[in-house]
Amino acid sequence: MADLVVKSKVADNIRSSGMNMAGDTVTALDKHVETTLRRAVERCKENGRKTVRPCDL
């Protein structure tokens, strides 16, 4: 795992909505972010660019 998200910030965000967070939520979110970034990089390369843009996400 790449540890791309900050557990305390995710927990604070969820708690601010009056909800609780399961222990494996951050792991799942981290995997989701990693996959999203990998796809964005691939799309960027396919378009002949070296800069990832919001539209790549």
PDB file of N, CA and C in Angstrom:
ATOM      1  N   MET A   1       0.840  -1.181   0.000  1.00  0.00           N
ATOM      2  CA  MET A   1       0.000   0.000   0.000  1.00  0.00           C
ATOM      3  C   MET A   1       0.883   1.241   0.000  1.00  0.00           C
ATOM      4  N   ALA A   2       0.423   2.259  -0.693  1.00  0.00           N
ATOM      5  CA  ALA A   2       1.224   3.462  -0.874  1.00  0.00           C
ATOM      6  C   ALA A   2       0.992   4.513   0.210  1.00  0.00           C
ATOM      7  N   ASP A   3       0.023   4.334   1.082  1.00  0.00           N
ATOM      8  CA  ASP A   3      -0.300   5.323   2.125  1.00  0.00           C
ATOM      9  C   ASP A   3      -0.488   6.717   1.527  1.00  0.00           C
ATOM     10  N   LEU A   4      -1.451   6.823   0.640  1.00  0.00           N
ATOM     11  CA  LEU A   4      -1.723   8.086  -0.043  1.00  0.00           C
ATOM     12  C   LEU A   4      -2.700   8.979   0.691  1.00  0.00           C
ATOM     13  N   VAL A   5      -3.445   8.409   1.625  1.00  0.00           N
ATOM     14  CA  VAL A   5      -4.423   9.205   2.368  1.00  0.00           C
ATOM     15  C   VAL A   5      -4.034   9.252   3.840  1.00  0.00           C
ATOM     16  N   VAL A   6      -4.435  10.307   4.495  1.00  0.00           N
ATOM     17  CA  VAL A   6      -4.121  10.502   5.913  1.00  0.00           C
ATOM     18  C   VAL A   6      -5.305  10.008   6.739  1.00  0.00           C
ATOM     19  N   LYS A   7      -5.067   8.952   7.510  1.00  0.00           N
ATOM     20  CA  LYS A   7      -6.129   8.305   8.277  1.00  0.00           C
ATOM     21  C   LYS A   7      -6.878   9.284   9.173  1.00  0.00           C
ATOM     22  N   SER A   8      -6.167  10.128   9.881  1.00  0.00           N
ATOM     23  CA  SER A   8      -6.820  11.053  10.814  1.00  0.00           C
ATOM     24  C   SER A   8      -7.724  12.042  10.089  1.00  0.00           C
ATOM     25  N   LYS A   9      -7.312  12.473   8.903  1.00  0.00           N
ATOM     26  CA  LYS A   9      -8.124  13.428   8.137  1.00  0.00           C
ATOM     27  C   LYS A   9      -9.390  12.757   7.613  1.00  0.00           C
ATOM     28  N   VAL A  10      -9.263  11.503   7.166  1.00  0.00           N
ATOM     29  CA  VAL A  10     -10.430  10.758   6.692  1.00  0.00           C
ATOM     30  C   VAL A  10     -11.395  10.542   7.845  1.00  0.00           C
ATOM     31  N   ALA A  11     -10.868  10.112   8.981  1.00  0.00           N
ATOM     32  CA  ALA A  11     -11.701   9.863  10.161  1.00  0.00           C
ATOM     33  C   ALA A  11     -12.402  11.146  10.605  1.00  0.00           C
ATOM     34  N   ASP A  12     -11.681  12.266  10.621  1.00  0.00           N
ATOM     35  CA  ASP A  12     -12.284  13.553  11.008  1.00  0.00           C
ATOM     36  C   ASP A  12     -13.417  13.933  10.061  1.00  0.00           C
ATOM     37  N   ASN A  13     -13.197  13.721   8.773  1.00  0.00           N
ATOM     38  CA  ASN A  13     -14.204  14.059   7.782  1.00  0.00           C
ATOM     39  C   ASN A  13     -15.462  13.215   7.970  1.00  0.00           C
ATOM     40  N   ILE A  14     -15.284  11.942   8.198  1.00  0.00           N
ATOM     41  CA  ILE A  14     -16.427  11.048   8.393  1.00  0.00           C
ATOM     42  C   ILE A  14     -17.146  11.387   9.695  1.00  0.00           C
ATOM     43  N   ARG A  15     -16.394  11.610  10.763  1.00  0.00           N
ATOM     44  CA  ARG A  15     -16.997  11.955  12.053  1.00  0.00           C
ATOM     45  C   ARG A  15     -17.764  13.269  11.996  1.00  0.00           C
ATOM     46  N   SER A  16     -17.300  14.207  11.175  1.00  0.00           N
ATOM     47  CA  SER A  16     -17.986  15.499  11.069  1.00  0.00           C
ATOM     48  C   SER A  16     -19.381  15.348  10.464  1.00  0.00           C
ATOM     49  N   SER A  17     -19.625  14.208   9.833  1.00  0.00           N
ATOM     50  CA  SER A  17     -20.952  13.910   9.285  1.00  0.00           C
ATOM     51  C   SER A  17     -21.786  13.103  10.260  1.00  0.00           C
ATOM     52  N   GLY A  18     -21.242  12.883  11.462  1.00  0.00           N
ATOM     53  CA  GLY A  18     -21.956  12.135  12.480  1.00  0.00           C
ATOM     54  C   GLY A  18     -21.907  10.634  12.282  1.00  0.00           C
ATOM     55  N   MET A  19     -20.934  10.165  11.519  1.00  0.00           N
ATOM     56  CA  MET A  19     -20.810   8.742  11.211  1.00  0.00           C
ATOM     57  C   MET A  19     -19.547   8.172  11.847  1.00  0.00           C
ATOM     58  N   ASN A  20     -19.482   6.850  11.918  1.00  0.00           N
ATOM     59  CA  ASN A  20     -18.304   6.144  12.400  1.00  0.00           C
ATOM     60  C   ASN A  20     -17.578   5.523  11.216  1.00  0.00           C
ATOM     61  N   MET A  21     -16.313   5.182  11.424  1.00  0.00           N
ATOM     62  CA  MET A  21     -15.496   4.623  10.355  1.00  0.00           C
ATOM     63  C   MET A  21     -15.003   3.238  10.745  1.00  0.00           C
ATOM     64  N   ALA A  22     -15.189   2.272   9.864  1.00  0.00           N
ATOM     65  CA  ALA A  22     -14.652   0.938  10.078  1.00  0.00           C
ATOM     66  C   ALA A  22     -13.138   0.980   9.940  1.00  0.00           C
ATOM     67  N   GLY A  23     -12.458   0.079  10.600  1.00  0.00           N
ATOM     68  CA  GLY A  23     -11.004   0.063  10.610  1.00  0.00           C
ATOM     69  C   GLY A  23     -10.352  -0.110   9.251  1.00  0.00           C
ATOM     70  N   ASP A  24     -11.020  -0.791   8.333  1.00  0.00           N
ATOM     71  CA  ASP A  24     -10.421  -1.046   7.027  1.00  0.00           C
ATOM     72  C   ASP A  24     -10.840  -0.028   5.957  1.00  0.00           C
ATOM     73  N   THR A  25     -11.538   1.011   6.354  1.00  0.00           N
ATOM     74  CA  THR A  25     -11.994   2.029   5.408  1.00  0.00           C
ATOM     75  C   THR A  25     -10.820   2.743   4.745  1.00  0.00           C
ATOM     76  N   VAL A  26      -9.833   3.116   5.515  1.00  0.00           N
ATOM     77  CA  VAL A  26      -8.689   3.854   4.964  1.00  0.00           C
ATOM     78  C   VAL A  26      -7.921   2.992   3.974  1.00  0.00           C
ATOM     79  N   THR A  27      -7.767   1.712   4.259  1.00  0.00           N
ATOM     80  CA  THR A  27      -7.086   0.802   3.335  1.00  0.00           C
ATOM     81  C   THR A  27      -7.823   0.748   2.002  1.00  0.00           C
ATOM     82  N   ALA A  28      -9.135   0.619   2.052  1.00  0.00           N
ATOM     83  CA  ALA A  28      -9.931   0.576   0.828  1.00  0.00           C
ATOM     84  C   ALA A  28      -9.842   1.897   0.066  1.00  0.00           C
ATOM     85  N   LEU A  29      -9.902   3.009   0.783  1.00  0.00           N
ATOM     86  CA  LEU A  29      -9.804   4.318   0.146  1.00  0.00           C
ATOM     87  C   LEU A  29      -8.431   4.510  -0.487  1.00  0.00           C
ATOM     88  N   ASP A  30      -7.394   4.079   0.197  1.00  0.00           N
ATOM     89  CA  ASP A  30      -6.045   4.197  -0.323  1.00  0.00           C
ATOM     90  C   ASP A  30      -5.895   3.417  -1.631  1.00  0.00           C
ATOM     91  N   LYS A  31      -6.454   2.222  -1.682  1.00  0.00           N
ATOM     92  CA  LYS A  31      -6.410   1.413  -2.910  1.00  0.00           C
ATOM     93  C   LYS A  31      -7.167   2.103  -4.035  1.00  0.00           C
ATOM     94  N   HIS A  32      -8.302   2.700  -3.690  1.00  0.00           N
ATOM     95  CA  HIS A  32      -9.102   3.414  -4.686  1.00  0.00           C
ATOM     96  C   HIS A  32      -8.323   4.606  -5.259  1.00  0.00           C
ATOM     97  N   VAL A  33      -7.688   5.363  -4.392  1.00  0.00           N
ATOM     98  CA  VAL A  33      -6.895   6.514  -4.830  1.00  0.00           C
ATOM     99  C   VAL A  33      -5.730   6.051  -5.705  1.00  0.00           C
ATOM    100  N   GLU A  34      -5.055   4.995  -5.290  1.00  0.00           N
ATOM    101  CA  GLU A  34      -3.921   4.471  -6.068  1.00  0.00           C
ATOM    102  C   GLU A  34      -4.373   4.052  -7.473  1.00  0.00           C
ATOM    103  N   THR A  35      -5.499   3.363  -7.558  1.00  0.00           N
ATOM    104  CA  THR A  35      -6.034   2.945  -8.851  1.00  0.00           C
ATOM    105  C   THR A  35      -6.403   4.147  -9.708  1.00  0.00           C
ATOM    106  N   THR A  36      -7.041   5.128  -9.109  1.00  0.00           N
ATOM    107  CA  THR A  36      -7.440   6.338  -9.827  1.00  0.00           C
ATOM    108  C   THR A  36      -6.219   7.073 -10.378  1.00  0.00           C
ATOM    109  N   LEU A  37      -5.177   7.187  -9.570  1.00  0.00           N
ATOM    110  CA  LEU A  37      -3.965   7.875 -10.025  1.00  0.00           C
ATOM    111  C   LEU A  37      -3.262   7.102 -11.131  1.00  0.00           C
ATOM    112  N   ARG A  38      -3.223   5.776 -11.000  1.00  0.00           N
ATOM    113  CA  ARG A  38      -2.586   4.953 -12.037  1.00  0.00           C
ATOM    114  C   ARG A  38      -3.316   5.127 -13.374  1.00  0.00           C
ATOM    115  N   ARG A  39      -4.642   5.127 -13.332  1.00  0.00           N
ATOM    116  CA  ARG A  39      -5.425   5.330 -14.553  1.00  0.00           C
ATOM    117  C   ARG A  39      -5.216   6.725 -15.123  1.00  0.00           C
ATOM    118  N   ALA A  40      -5.105   7.715 -14.260  1.00  0.00           N
ATOM    119  CA  ALA A  40      -4.876   9.088 -14.722  1.00  0.00           C
ATOM    120  C   ALA A  40      -3.532   9.209 -15.427  1.00  0.00           C
ATOM    121  N   VAL A  41      -2.521   8.574 -14.880  1.00  0.00           N
ATOM    122  CA  VAL A  41      -1.192   8.595 -15.502  1.00  0.00           C
ATOM    123  C   VAL A  41      -1.236   7.910 -16.868  1.00  0.00           C
ATOM    124  N   GLU A  42      -1.916   6.771 -16.941  1.00  0.00           N
ATOM    125  CA  GLU A  42      -2.033   6.057 -18.221  1.00  0.00           C
ATOM    126  C   GLU A  42      -2.734   6.923 -19.263  1.00  0.00           C
ATOM    127  N   ARG A  43      -3.817   7.578 -18.859  1.00  0.00           N
ATOM    128  CA  ARG A  43      -4.563   8.443 -19.781  1.00  0.00           C
ATOM    129  C   ARG A  43      -3.696   9.605 -20.256  1.00  0.00           C
ATOM    130  N   CYS A  44      -2.944  10.160 -19.344  1.00  0.00           N
ATOM    131  CA  CYS A  44      -2.050  11.266 -19.668  1.00  0.00           C
ATOM    132  C   CYS A  44      -1.026  10.832 -20.717  1.00  0.00           C
ATOM    133  N   LYS A  45      -0.408   9.673 -20.495  1.00  0.00           N
ATOM    134  CA  LYS A  45       0.575   9.147 -21.446  1.00  0.00           C
ATOM    135  C   LYS A  45      -0.051   8.892 -22.809  1.00  0.00           C
ATOM    136  N   GLU A  46      -1.269   8.327 -22.804  1.00  0.00           N
ATOM    137  CA  GLU A  46      -1.968   8.046 -24.063  1.00  0.00           C
ATOM    138  C   GLU A  46      -2.234   9.309 -24.859  1.00  0.00           C
ATOM    139  N   ASN A  47      -2.372  10.430 -24.149  1.00  0.00           N
ATOM    140  CA  ASN A  47      -2.631  11.704 -24.805  1.00  0.00           C
ATOM    141  C   ASN A  47      -1.348  12.489 -25.089  1.00  0.00           C
ATOM    142  N   GLY A  48      -0.209  11.838 -24.908  1.00  0.00           N
ATOM    143  CA  GLY A  48       1.072  12.456 -25.244  1.00  0.00           C
ATOM    144  C   GLY A  48       1.499  13.578 -24.326  1.00  0.00           C
ATOM    145  N   ARG A  49       1.029  13.558 -23.089  1.00  0.00           N
ATOM    146  CA  ARG A  49       1.397  14.600 -22.134  1.00  0.00           C
ATOM    147  C   ARG A  49       2.209  14.012 -20.999  1.00  0.00           C
ATOM    148  N   LYS A  50       2.903  14.885 -20.285  1.00  0.00           N
ATOM    149  CA  LYS A  50       3.648  14.484 -19.103  1.00  0.00           C
ATOM    150  C   LYS A  50       3.101  15.145 -17.841  1.00  0.00           C
ATOM    151  N   THR A  51       2.006  15.863 -17.990  1.00  0.00           N
ATOM    152  CA  THR A  51       1.376  16.542 -16.864  1.00  0.00           C
ATOM    153  C   THR A  51      -0.019  15.964 -16.660  1.00  0.00           C
ATOM    154  N   VAL A  52      -0.254  15.408 -15.489  1.00  0.00           N
ATOM    155  CA  VAL A  52      -1.579  14.884 -15.167  1.00  0.00           C
ATOM    156  C   VAL A  52      -2.485  16.056 -14.836  1.00  0.00           C
ATOM    157  N   ARG A  53      -3.630  16.099 -15.486  1.00  0.00           N
ATOM    158  CA  ARG A  53      -4.592  17.178 -15.315  1.00  0.00           C
ATOM    159  C   ARG A  53      -5.863  16.641 -14.657  1.00  0.00           C
ATOM    160  N   PRO A  54      -6.682  17.525 -14.125  1.00  0.00           N
ATOM    161  CA  PRO A  54      -7.950  17.073 -13.519  1.00  0.00           C
ATOM    162  C   PRO A  54      -8.799  16.235 -14.468  1.00  0.00           C
ATOM    163  N   CYS A  55      -8.761  16.553 -15.754  1.00  0.00           N
ATOM    164  CA  CYS A  55      -9.569  15.798 -16.722  1.00  0.00           C
ATOM    165  C   CYS A  55      -9.103  14.348 -16.840  1.00  0.00           C
ATOM    166  N   ASP A  56      -7.894  14.037 -16.413  1.00  0.00           N
ATOM    167  CA  ASP A  56      -7.383  12.666 -16.456  1.00  0.00           C
ATOM    168  C   ASP A  56      -7.981  11.812 -15.349  1.00  0.00           C
ATOM    169  N   LEU A  57      -8.466  12.468 -14.315  1.00  0.00           N
ATOM    170  CA  LEU A  57      -9.069  11.750 -13.210  1.00  0.00           C
ATOM    171  C   LEU A  57     -10.454  11.284 -13.568  1.00  0.00           C
TER     172      LEU A  57
END
